[in-house]
Amino acid sequence: MAGPTKASDAAVTAALLDLPGWRRVGDELHAGYELPTFAAAVDFTVAIAAVADELVHHPEWRVAYRRVDLLTTTHDADGLSELDFALARRITALATQRGAVAARS
């Protein structure tokens, strides 16, 4: 069974056009969000966990008070793949639903 395929630089650039707040850092996608409270930030990560389990693709994150920093990459592809873009799109939608604001780097 074939695993995920590493995205080309052009595919990454194109995908980022539809992913506000996300940026490429090497072979990873990074984003940060600020939420109204610490509890809201933790709740946001719980919602992300459900999506990640559904996609079977899990990001790394850090919660610092009201801020959630995320990164995703596809280790099996040695870089970014469609899995990362799909996850980022879903996280972006969750952020919008919850009133999260893109955090400054």
PDB file of N, CA and C in Angstrom:
ATOM      1  N   MET A   1       0.847  -1.189   0.000  1.00  0.00           N
ATOM      2  CA  MET A   1       0.000   0.000   0.000  1.00  0.00           C
ATOM      3  C   MET A   1       0.883   1.240   0.000  1.00  0.00           C
ATOM      4  N   ALA A   2       0.644   2.134  -0.950  1.00  0.00           N
ATOM      5  CA  ALA A   2       1.449   3.351  -1.074  1.00  0.00           C
ATOM      6  C   ALA A   2       1.065   4.345   0.018  1.00  0.00           C
ATOM      7  N   GLY A   3       2.070   5.035   0.506  1.00  0.00           N
ATOM      8  CA  GLY A   3       1.835   6.053   1.521  1.00  0.00           C
ATOM      9  C   GLY A   3       1.616   7.410   0.882  1.00  0.00           C
ATOM     10  N   PRO A   4       1.543   8.437   1.693  1.00  0.00           N
ATOM     11  CA  PRO A   4       1.346   9.789   1.174  1.00  0.00           C
ATOM     12  C   PRO A   4       2.541  10.230   0.327  1.00  0.00           C
ATOM     13  N   THR A   5       2.263  11.097  -0.629  1.00  0.00           N
ATOM     14  CA  THR A   5       3.291  11.600  -1.541  1.00  0.00           C
ATOM     15  C   THR A   5       3.683  13.019  -1.144  1.00  0.00           C
ATOM     16  N   LYS A   6       4.976  13.284  -1.169  1.00  0.00           N
ATOM     17  CA  LYS A   6       5.465  14.627  -0.855  1.00  0.00           C
ATOM     18  C   LYS A   6       4.986  15.611  -1.922  1.00  0.00           C
ATOM     19  N   ALA A   7       4.463  16.735  -1.469  1.00  0.00           N
ATOM     20  CA  ALA A   7       3.965  17.773  -2.370  1.00  0.00           C
ATOM     21  C   ALA A   7       5.123  18.544  -2.995  1.00  0.00           C
ATOM     22  N   SER A   8       4.921  18.973  -4.216  1.00  0.00           N
ATOM     23  CA  SER A   8       5.918  19.809  -4.883  1.00  0.00           C
ATOM     24  C   SER A   8       5.891  21.207  -4.265  1.00  0.00           C
ATOM     25  N   ASP A   9       6.957  21.966  -4.505  1.00  0.00           N
ATOM     26  CA  ASP A   9       6.985  23.348  -4.019  1.00  0.00           C
ATOM     27  C   ASP A   9       5.820  24.148  -4.586  1.00  0.00           C
ATOM     28  N   ALA A  10       5.492  23.914  -5.854  1.00  0.00           N
ATOM     29  CA  ALA A  10       4.369  24.634  -6.478  1.00  0.00           C
ATOM     30  C   ALA A  10       3.048  24.277  -5.806  1.00  0.00           C
ATOM     31  N   ALA A  11       2.871  23.007  -5.458  1.00  0.00           N
ATOM     32  CA  ALA A  11       1.637  22.580  -4.785  1.00  0.00           C
ATOM     33  C   ALA A  11       1.533  23.211  -3.402  1.00  0.00           C
ATOM     34  N   VAL A  12       2.645  23.311  -2.693  1.00  0.00           N
ATOM     35  CA  VAL A  12       2.643  23.930  -1.367  1.00  0.00           C
ATOM     36  C   VAL A  12       2.285  25.407  -1.497  1.00  0.00           C
ATOM     37  N   THR A  13       2.912  26.094  -2.439  1.00  0.00           N
ATOM     38  CA  THR A  13       2.630  27.511  -2.659  1.00  0.00           C
ATOM     39  C   THR A  13       1.158  27.726  -2.993  1.00  0.00           C
ATOM     40  N   ALA A  14       0.608  26.891  -3.856  1.00  0.00           N
ATOM     41  CA  ALA A  14      -0.802  27.005  -4.235  1.00  0.00           C
ATOM     42  C   ALA A  14      -1.718  26.743  -3.040  1.00  0.00           C
ATOM     43  N   ALA A  15      -1.415  25.722  -2.253  1.00  0.00           N
ATOM     44  CA  ALA A  15      -2.246  25.386  -1.091  1.00  0.00           C
ATOM     45  C   ALA A  15      -2.241  26.519  -0.072  1.00  0.00           C
ATOM     46  N   LEU A  16      -1.102  27.163   0.121  1.00  0.00           N
ATOM     47  CA  LEU A  16      -1.008  28.235   1.112  1.00  0.00           C
ATOM     48  C   LEU A  16      -1.859  29.458   0.738  1.00  0.00           C
ATOM     49  N   LEU A  17      -2.196  29.605  -0.531  1.00  0.00           N
ATOM     50  CA  LEU A  17      -3.060  30.714  -0.947  1.00  0.00           C
ATOM     51  C   LEU A  17      -4.432  30.627  -0.297  1.00  0.00           C
ATOM     52  N   ASP A  18      -4.868  29.403   0.019  1.00  0.00           N
ATOM     53  CA  ASP A  18      -6.174  29.184   0.633  1.00  0.00           C
ATOM     54  C   ASP A  18      -6.083  28.854   2.119  1.00  0.00           C
ATOM     55  N   LEU A  19      -4.929  29.119   2.720  1.00  0.00           N
ATOM     56  CA  LEU A  19      -4.733  28.812   4.142  1.00  0.00           C
ATOM     57  C   LEU A  19      -4.236  30.050   4.882  1.00  0.00           C
ATOM     58  N   PRO A  20      -5.126  31.012   5.125  1.00  0.00           N
ATOM     59  CA  PRO A  20      -4.700  32.229   5.818  1.00  0.00           C
ATOM     60  C   PRO A  20      -4.150  31.907   7.205  1.00  0.00           C
ATOM     61  N   GLY A  21      -3.050  32.556   7.529  1.00  0.00           N
ATOM     62  CA  GLY A  21      -2.439  32.357   8.839  1.00  0.00           C
ATOM     63  C   GLY A  21      -1.421  31.224   8.883  1.00  0.00           C
ATOM     64  N   TRP A  22      -1.372  30.398   7.848  1.00  0.00           N
ATOM     65  CA  TRP A  22      -0.409  29.297   7.797  1.00  0.00           C
ATOM     66  C   TRP A  22       0.792  29.735   6.974  1.00  0.00           C
ATOM     67  N   ARG A  23       1.953  29.241   7.353  1.00  0.00           N
ATOM     68  CA  ARG A  23       3.170  29.539   6.608  1.00  0.00           C
ATOM     69  C   ARG A  23       4.043  28.294   6.551  1.00  0.00           C
ATOM     70  N   ARG A  24       4.846  28.248   5.540  1.00  0.00           N
ATOM     71  CA  ARG A  24       5.772  27.127   5.379  1.00  0.00           C
ATOM     72  C   ARG A  24       7.070  27.464   6.100  1.00  0.00           C
ATOM     73  N   VAL A  25       7.541  26.508   6.873  1.00  0.00           N
ATOM     74  CA  VAL A  25       8.845  26.611   7.519  1.00  0.00           C
ATOM     75  C   VAL A  25       9.560  25.305   7.189  1.00  0.00           C
ATOM     76  N   GLY A  26      10.421  25.340   6.179  1.00  0.00           N
ATOM     77  CA  GLY A  26      11.078  24.112   5.727  1.00  0.00           C
ATOM     78  C   GLY A  26      10.049  23.127   5.207  1.00  0.00           C
ATOM     79  N   ASP A  27      10.011  21.961   5.796  1.00  0.00           N
ATOM     80  CA  ASP A  27       9.071  20.914   5.403  1.00  0.00           C
ATOM     81  C   ASP A  27       7.891  20.812   6.368  1.00  0.00           C
ATOM     82  N   GLU A  28       7.527  21.935   6.989  1.00  0.00           N
ATOM     83  CA  GLU A  28       6.403  21.964   7.929  1.00  0.00           C
ATOM     84  C   GLU A  28       5.489  23.144   7.607  1.00  0.00           C
ATOM     85  N   LEU A  29       4.230  23.006   8.001  1.00  0.00           N
ATOM     86  CA  LEU A  29       3.299  24.132   8.006  1.00  0.00           C
ATOM     87  C   LEU A  29       3.134  24.576   9.445  1.00  0.00           C
ATOM     88  N   HIS A  30       3.162  25.878   9.681  1.00  0.00           N
ATOM     89  CA  HIS A  30       3.016  26.449  11.017  1.00  0.00           C
ATOM     90  C   HIS A  30       1.872  27.453  11.034  1.00  0.00           C
ATOM     91  N   ALA A  31       1.180  27.516  12.149  1.00  0.00           N
ATOM     92  CA  ALA A  31       0.154  28.539  12.382  1.00  0.00           C
ATOM     93  C   ALA A  31       0.038  28.771  13.877  1.00  0.00           C
ATOM     94  N   GLY A  32      -0.432  29.934  14.227  1.00  0.00           N
ATOM     95  CA  GLY A  32      -0.696  30.253  15.623  1.00  0.00           C
ATOM     96  C   GLY A  32      -2.022  30.974  15.736  1.00  0.00           C
ATOM     97  N   TYR A  33      -2.742  30.692  16.803  1.00  0.00           N
ATOM     98  CA  TYR A  33      -4.057  31.307  17.030  1.00  0.00           C
ATOM     99  C   TYR A  33      -4.150  31.786  18.463  1.00  0.00           C
ATOM    100  N   GLU A  34      -4.854  32.905  18.644  1.00  0.00           N
ATOM    101  CA  GLU A  34      -5.171  33.393  19.977  1.00  0.00           C
ATOM    102  C   GLU A  34      -6.665  33.260  20.193  1.00  0.00           C
ATOM    103  N   LEU A  35      -7.014  32.772  21.367  1.00  0.00           N
ATOM    104  CA  LEU A  35      -8.412  32.583  21.736  1.00  0.00           C
ATOM    105  C   LEU A  35      -8.723  33.422  22.965  1.00  0.00           C
ATOM    106  N   PRO A  36     -10.004  33.572  23.297  1.00  0.00           N
ATOM    107  CA  PRO A  36     -10.373  34.486  24.388  1.00  0.00           C
ATOM    108  C   PRO A  36      -9.848  34.094  25.768  1.00  0.00           C
ATOM    109  N   THR A  37      -9.761  32.793  26.044  1.00  0.00           N
ATOM    110  CA  THR A  37      -9.346  32.329  27.367  1.00  0.00           C
ATOM    111  C   THR A  37      -8.473  31.083  27.231  1.00  0.00           C
ATOM    112  N   PHE A  38      -7.810  30.726  28.306  1.00  0.00           N
ATOM    113  CA  PHE A  38      -7.039  29.485  28.330  1.00  0.00           C
ATOM    114  C   PHE A  38      -7.948  28.289  28.086  1.00  0.00           C
ATOM    115  N   ALA A  39      -9.122  28.276  28.722  1.00  0.00           N
ATOM    116  CA  ALA A  39     -10.061  27.164  28.541  1.00  0.00           C
ATOM    117  C   ALA A  39     -10.491  27.051  27.079  1.00  0.00           C
ATOM    118  N   ALA A  40     -10.702  28.186  26.420  1.00  0.00           N
ATOM    119  CA  ALA A  40     -11.070  28.165  25.003  1.00  0.00           C
ATOM    120  C   ALA A  40      -9.928  27.614  24.158  1.00  0.00           C
ATOM    121  N   ALA A  41      -8.692  27.940  24.519  1.00  0.00           N
ATOM    122  CA  ALA A  41      -7.535  27.422  23.788  1.00  0.00           C
ATOM    123  C   ALA A  41      -7.437  25.902  23.931  1.00  0.00           C
ATOM    124  N   VAL A  42      -7.647  25.404  25.138  1.00  0.00           N
ATOM    125  CA  VAL A  42      -7.604  23.962  25.363  1.00  0.00           C
ATOM    126  C   VAL A  42      -8.759  23.278  24.638  1.00  0.00           C
ATOM    127  N   ASP A  43      -9.940  23.882  24.686  1.00  0.00           N
ATOM    128  CA  ASP A  43     -11.092  23.334  23.973  1.00  0.00           C
ATOM    129  C   ASP A  43     -10.819  23.269  22.464  1.00  0.00           C
ATOM    130  N   PHE A  44     -10.152  24.268  21.936  1.00  0.00           N
ATOM    131  CA  PHE A  44      -9.759  24.295  20.527  1.00  0.00           C
ATOM    132  C   PHE A  44      -8.879  23.084  20.204  1.00  0.00           C
ATOM    133  N   THR A  45      -7.920  22.790  21.073  1.00  0.00           N
ATOM    134  CA  THR A  45      -7.055  21.637  20.813  1.00  0.00           C
ATOM    135  C   THR A  45      -7.823  20.320  20.905  1.00  0.00           C
ATOM    136  N   VAL A  46      -8.831  20.246  21.755  1.00  0.00           N
ATOM    137  CA  VAL A  46      -9.666  19.036  21.831  1.00  0.00           C
ATOM    138  C   VAL A  46     -10.407  18.851  20.506  1.00  0.00           C
ATOM    139  N   ALA A  47     -10.925  19.948  19.948  1.00  0.00           N
ATOM    140  CA  ALA A  47     -11.605  19.869  18.653  1.00  0.00           C
ATOM    141  C   ALA A  47     -10.625  19.469  17.549  1.00  0.00           C
ATOM    142  N   ILE A  48      -9.413  20.001  17.601  1.00  0.00           N
ATOM    143  CA  ILE A  48      -8.386  19.623  16.624  1.00  0.00           C
ATOM    144  C   ILE A  48      -8.061  18.138  16.747  1.00  0.00           C
ATOM    145  N   ALA A  49      -7.996  17.641  17.971  1.00  0.00           N
ATOM    146  CA  ALA A  49      -7.693  16.218  18.181  1.00  0.00           C
ATOM    147  C   ALA A  49      -8.723  15.322  17.510  1.00  0.00           C
ATOM    148  N   ALA A  50      -9.991  15.711  17.585  1.00  0.00           N
ATOM    149  CA  ALA A  50     -11.047  14.911  16.945  1.00  0.00           C
ATOM    150  C   ALA A  50     -10.868  14.893  15.434  1.00  0.00           C
ATOM    151  N   VAL A  51     -10.546  16.032  14.857  1.00  0.00           N
ATOM    152  CA  VAL A  51     -10.313  16.108  13.406  1.00  0.00           C
ATOM    153  C   VAL A  51      -9.068  15.305  13.037  1.00  0.00           C
ATOM    154  N   ALA A  52      -8.023  15.432  13.819  1.00  0.00           N
ATOM    155  CA  ALA A  52      -6.782  14.703  13.542  1.00  0.00           C
ATOM    156  C   ALA A  52      -7.010  13.199  13.580  1.00  0.00           C
ATOM    157  N   ASP A  53      -7.791  12.734  14.541  1.00  0.00           N
ATOM    158  CA  ASP A  53      -8.109  11.302  14.597  1.00  0.00           C
ATOM    159  C   ASP A  53      -8.914  10.875  13.373  1.00  0.00           C
ATOM    160  N   GLU A  54      -9.842  11.720  12.958  1.00  0.00           N
ATOM    161  CA  GLU A  54     -10.656  11.411  11.773  1.00  0.00           C
ATOM    162  C   GLU A  54      -9.775  11.299  10.526  1.00  0.00           C
ATOM    163  N   LEU A  55      -8.813  12.213  10.383  1.00  0.00           N
ATOM    164  CA  LEU A  55      -7.927  12.215   9.220  1.00  0.00           C
ATOM    165  C   LEU A  55      -6.751  11.249   9.377  1.00  0.00           C
ATOM    166  N   VAL A  56      -6.558  10.740  10.584  1.00  0.00           N
ATOM    167  CA  VAL A  56      -5.398   9.905  10.938  1.00  0.00           C
ATOM    168  C   VAL A  56      -4.112  10.651  10.561  1.00  0.00           C
ATOM    169  N   HIS A  57      -4.083  11.906  10.976  1.00  0.00           N
ATOM    170  CA  HIS A  57      -2.912  12.765  10.741  1.00  0.00           C
ATOM    171  C   HIS A  57      -2.858  13.765  11.886  1.00  0.00           C
ATOM    172  N   HIS A  58      -1.827  13.693  12.693  1.00  0.00           N
ATOM    173  CA  HIS A  58      -1.801  14.411  13.971  1.00  0.00           C
ATOM    174  C   HIS A  58      -0.731  15.499  13.991  1.00  0.00           C
ATOM    175  N   PRO A  59      -1.141  16.726  14.326  1.00  0.00           N
ATOM    176  CA  PRO A  59      -0.190  17.834  14.402  1.00  0.00           C
ATOM    177  C   PRO A  59       0.533  17.844  15.752  1.00  0.00           C
ATOM    178  N   GLU A  60       1.529  18.681  15.808  1.00  0.00           N
ATOM    179  CA  GLU A  60       2.138  19.017  17.100  1.00  0.00           C
ATOM    180  C   GLU A  60       1.570  20.371  17.487  1.00  0.00           C
ATOM    181  N   TRP A  61       1.412  20.584  18.813  1.00  0.00           N
ATOM    182  CA  TRP A  61       0.931  21.885  19.249  1.00  0.00           C
ATOM    183  C   TRP A  61       1.496  22.236  20.597  1.00  0.00           C
ATOM    184  N   ARG A  62       1.379  23.534  20.872  1.00  0.00           N
ATOM    185  CA  ARG A  62       1.798  24.088  22.158  1.00  0.00           C
ATOM    186  C   ARG A  62       0.716  25.071  22.580  1.00  0.00           C
ATOM    187  N   VAL A  63       0.281  24.946  23.810  1.00  0.00           N
ATOM    188  CA  VAL A  63      -0.693  25.886  24.360  1.00  0.00           C
ATOM    189  C   VAL A  63       0.038  26.732  25.396  1.00  0.00           C
ATOM    190  N   ALA A  64      -0.035  28.037  25.215  1.00  0.00           N
ATOM    191  CA  ALA A  64       0.551  28.972  26.171  1.00  0.00           C
ATOM    192  C   ALA A  64      -0.502  30.031  26.471  1.00  0.00           C
ATOM    193  N   TYR A  65      -1.174  29.841  27.592  1.00  0.00           N
ATOM    194  CA  TYR A  65      -2.275  30.698  28.033  1.00  0.00           C
ATOM    195  C   TYR A  65      -3.367  30.712  26.973  1.00  0.00           C
ATOM    196  N   ARG A  66      -3.559  31.784  26.228  1.00  0.00           N
ATOM    197  CA  ARG A  66      -4.648  31.855  25.250  1.00  0.00           C
ATOM    198  C   ARG A  66      -4.175  31.525  23.834  1.00  0.00           C
ATOM    199  N   ARG A  67      -2.922  31.206  23.671  1.00  0.00           N
ATOM    200  CA  ARG A  67      -2.337  30.998  22.344  1.00  0.00           C
ATOM    201  C   ARG A  67      -2.114  29.506  22.086  1.00  0.00           C
ATOM    202  N   VAL A  68      -2.429  29.099  20.843  1.00  0.00           N
ATOM    203  CA  VAL A  68      -2.169  27.733  20.394  1.00  0.00           C
ATOM    204  C   VAL A  68      -1.284  27.832  19.153  1.00  0.00           C
ATOM    205  N   ASP A  69      -0.093  27.249  19.229  1.00  0.00           N
ATOM    206  CA  ASP A  69       0.816  27.181  18.087  1.00  0.00           C
ATOM    207  C   ASP A  69       0.800  25.759  17.547  1.00  0.00           C
ATOM    208  N   LEU A  70       0.703  25.639  16.224  1.00  0.00           N
ATOM    209  CA  LEU A  70       0.569  24.340  15.580  1.00  0.00           C
ATOM    210  C   LEU A  70       1.630  24.154  14.509  1.00  0.00           C
ATOM    211  N   LEU A  71       2.005  22.910  14.308  1.00  0.00           N
ATOM    212  CA  LEU A  71       2.818  22.565  13.147  1.00  0.00           C
ATOM    213  C   LEU A  71       2.405  21.191  12.672  1.00  0.00           C
ATOM    214  N   THR A  72       2.494  21.006  11.366  1.00  0.00           N
ATOM    215  CA  THR A  72       2.169  19.716  10.776  1.00  0.00           C
ATOM    216  C   THR A  72       3.146  19.417   9.644  1.00  0.00           C
ATOM    217  N   THR A  73       3.464  18.167   9.500  1.00  0.00           N
ATOM    218  CA  THR A  73       4.280  17.643   8.414  1.00  0.00           C
ATOM    219  C   THR A  73       3.910  16.179   8.253  1.00  0.00           C
ATOM    220  N   THR A  74       4.297  15.597   7.152  1.00  0.00           N
ATOM    221  CA  THR A  74       4.011  14.180   6.921  1.00  0.00           C
ATOM    222  C   THR A  74       5.333  13.428   6.945  1.00  0.00           C
ATOM    223  N   HIS A  75       5.611  12.790   8.055  1.00  0.00           N
ATOM    224  CA  HIS A  75       6.882  12.081   8.205  1.00  0.00           C
ATOM    225  C   HIS A  75       7.039  10.984   7.158  1.00  0.00           C
ATOM    226  N   ASP A  76       5.953  10.292   6.837  1.00  0.00           N
ATOM    227  CA  ASP A  76       6.022   9.202   5.847  1.00  0.00           C
ATOM    228  C   ASP A  76       6.359   9.702   4.454  1.00  0.00           C
ATOM    229  N   ALA A  77       6.142  10.987   4.184  1.00  0.00           N
ATOM    230  CA  ALA A  77       6.445  11.563   2.875  1.00  0.00           C
ATOM    231  C   ALA A  77       7.733  12.393   2.912  1.00  0.00           C
ATOM    232  N   ASP A  78       8.359  12.466   4.071  1.00  0.00           N
ATOM    233  CA  ASP A  78       9.557  13.302   4.243  1.00  0.00           C
ATOM    234  C   ASP A  78       9.292  14.757   3.864  1.00  0.00           C
ATOM    235  N   GLY A  79       8.129  15.258   4.219  1.00  0.00           N
ATOM    236  CA  GLY A  79       7.786  16.646   3.936  1.00  0.00           C
ATOM    237  C   GLY A  79       6.292  16.850   3.983  1.00  0.00           C
ATOM    238  N   LEU A  80       5.835  17.833   3.263  1.00  0.00           N
ATOM    239  CA  LEU A  80       4.414  18.170   3.254  1.00  0.00           C
ATOM    240  C   LEU A  80       3.654  17.341   2.226  1.00  0.00           C
ATOM    241  N   SER A  81       2.435  16.985   2.586  1.00  0.00           N
ATOM    242  CA  SER A  81       1.568  16.215   1.685  1.00  0.00           C
ATOM    243  C   SER A  81       0.158  16.777   1.757  1.00  0.00           C
ATOM    244  N   GLU A  82      -0.726  16.215   0.968  1.00  0.00           N
ATOM    245  CA  GLU A  82      -2.133  16.623   0.982  1.00  0.00           C
ATOM    246  C   GLU A  82      -2.737  16.450   2.374  1.00  0.00           C
ATOM    247  N   LEU A  83      -2.234  15.520   3.163  1.00  0.00           N
ATOM    248  CA  LEU A  83      -2.724  15.343   4.534  1.00  0.00           C
ATOM    249  C   LEU A  83      -2.539  16.620   5.349  1.00  0.00           C
ATOM    250  N   ASP A  84      -1.406  17.270   5.174  1.00  0.00           N
ATOM    251  CA  ASP A  84      -1.137  18.503   5.916  1.00  0.00           C
ATOM    252  C   ASP A  84      -2.079  19.619   5.488  1.00  0.00           C
ATOM    253  N   PHE A  85      -2.330  19.721   4.172  1.00  0.00           N
ATOM    254  CA  PHE A  85      -3.229  20.758   3.681  1.00  0.00           C
ATOM    255  C   PHE A  85      -4.657  20.502   4.158  1.00  0.00           C
ATOM    256  N   ALA A  86      -5.083  19.248   4.122  1.00  0.00           N
ATOM    257  CA  ALA A  86      -6.438  18.904   4.583  1.00  0.00           C
ATOM    258  C   ALA A  86      -6.588  19.233   6.066  1.00  0.00           C
ATOM    259  N   LEU A  87      -5.592  18.883   6.860  1.00  0.00           N
ATOM    260  CA  LEU A  87      -5.639  19.169   8.291  1.00  0.00           C
ATOM    261  C   LEU A  87      -5.650  20.680   8.529  1.00  0.00           C
ATOM    262  N   ALA A  88      -4.797  21.411   7.828  1.00  0.00           N
ATOM    263  CA  ALA A  88      -4.742  22.866   7.998  1.00  0.00           C
ATOM    264  C   ALA A  88      -6.071  23.509   7.613  1.00  0.00           C
ATOM    265  N   ARG A  89      -6.713  23.026   6.544  1.00  0.00           N
ATOM    266  CA  ARG A  89      -8.019  23.571   6.158  1.00  0.00           C
ATOM    267  C   ARG A  89      -9.049  23.340   7.256  1.00  0.00           C
ATOM    268  N   ARG A  90      -9.046  22.166   7.824  1.00  0.00           N
ATOM    269  CA  ARG A  90     -10.017  21.848   8.888  1.00  0.00           C
ATOM    270  C   ARG A  90      -9.734  22.667  10.146  1.00  0.00           C
ATOM    271  N   ILE A  91      -8.457  22.833  10.485  1.00  0.00           N
ATOM    272  CA  ILE A  91      -8.102  23.640  11.660  1.00  0.00           C
ATOM    273  C   ILE A  91      -8.497  25.094  11.433  1.00  0.00           C
ATOM    274  N   THR A  92      -8.285  25.595  10.236  1.00  0.00           N
ATOM    275  CA  THR A  92      -8.669  26.968   9.906  1.00  0.00           C
ATOM    276  C   THR A  92     -10.174  27.153  10.079  1.00  0.00           C
ATOM    277  N   ALA A  93     -10.952  26.177   9.628  1.00  0.00           N
ATOM    278  CA  ALA A  93     -12.409  26.245   9.788  1.00  0.00           C
ATOM    279  C   ALA A  93     -12.796  26.241  11.271  1.00  0.00           C
ATOM    280  N   LEU A  94     -12.151  25.382  12.061  1.00  0.00           N
ATOM    281  CA  LEU A  94     -12.420  25.351  13.505  1.00  0.00           C
ATOM    282  C   LEU A  94     -12.081  26.695  14.143  1.00  0.00           C
ATOM    283  N   ALA A  95     -10.953  27.261  13.744  1.00  0.00           N
ATOM    284  CA  ALA A  95     -10.537  28.551  14.300  1.00  0.00           C
ATOM    285  C   ALA A  95     -11.581  29.624  14.000  1.00  0.00           C
ATOM    286  N   THR A  96     -12.084  29.630  12.778  1.00  0.00           N
ATOM    287  CA  THR A  96     -13.104  30.603  12.388  1.00  0.00           C
ATOM    288  C   THR A  96     -14.372  30.412  13.216  1.00  0.00           C
ATOM    289  N   GLN A  97     -14.794  29.171  13.368  1.00  0.00           N
ATOM    290  CA  GLN A  97     -15.999  28.877  14.150  1.00  0.00           C
ATOM    291  C   GLN A  97     -15.867  29.329  15.599  1.00  0.00           C
ATOM    292  N   ARG A  98     -14.666  29.262  16.142  1.00  0.00           N
ATOM    293  CA  ARG A  98     -14.446  29.561  17.553  1.00  0.00           C
ATOM    294  C   ARG A  98     -13.981  30.994  17.805  1.00  0.00           C
ATOM    295  N   GLY A  99     -13.896  31.788  16.769  1.00  0.00           N
ATOM    296  CA  GLY A  99     -13.479  33.171  16.938  1.00  0.00           C
ATOM    297  C   GLY A  99     -12.006  33.343  17.242  1.00  0.00           C
ATOM    298  N   ALA A 100     -11.205  32.350  16.888  1.00  0.00           N
ATOM    299  CA  ALA A 100      -9.762  32.449  17.099  1.00  0.00           C
ATOM    300  C   ALA A 100      -9.185  33.461  16.107  1.00  0.00           C
ATOM    301  N   VAL A 101      -8.174  34.175  16.537  1.00  0.00           N
ATOM    302  CA  VAL A 101      -7.515  35.172  15.710  1.00  0.00           C
ATOM    303  C   VAL A 101      -6.109  34.676  15.399  1.00  0.00           C
ATOM    304  N   ALA A 102      -5.707  34.793  14.131  1.00  0.00           N
ATOM    305  CA  ALA A 102      -4.346  34.397  13.772  1.00  0.00           C
ATOM    306  C   ALA A 102      -3.361  35.200  14.621  1.00  0.00           C
ATOM    307  N   ALA A 103      -2.443  34.480  15.243  1.00  0.00           N
ATOM    308  CA  ALA A 103      -1.452  35.119  16.118  1.00  0.00           C
ATOM    309  C   ALA A 103      -0.252  35.578  15.307  1.00  0.00           C
ATOM    310  N   ARG A 104       0.373  36.587  15.780  1.00  0.00           N
ATOM    311  CA  ARG A 104       1.605  37.060  15.129  1.00  0.00           C
ATOM    312  C   ARG A 104       2.733  36.101  15.470  1.00  0.00           C
ATOM    313  N   SER A 105       3.614  35.926  14.531  1.00  0.00           N
ATOM    314  CA  SER A 105       4.748  35.007  14.731  1.00  0.00           C
ATOM    315  C   SER A 105       5.691  35.483  15.798  1.00  0.00           C
TER     316      SER A 105
END
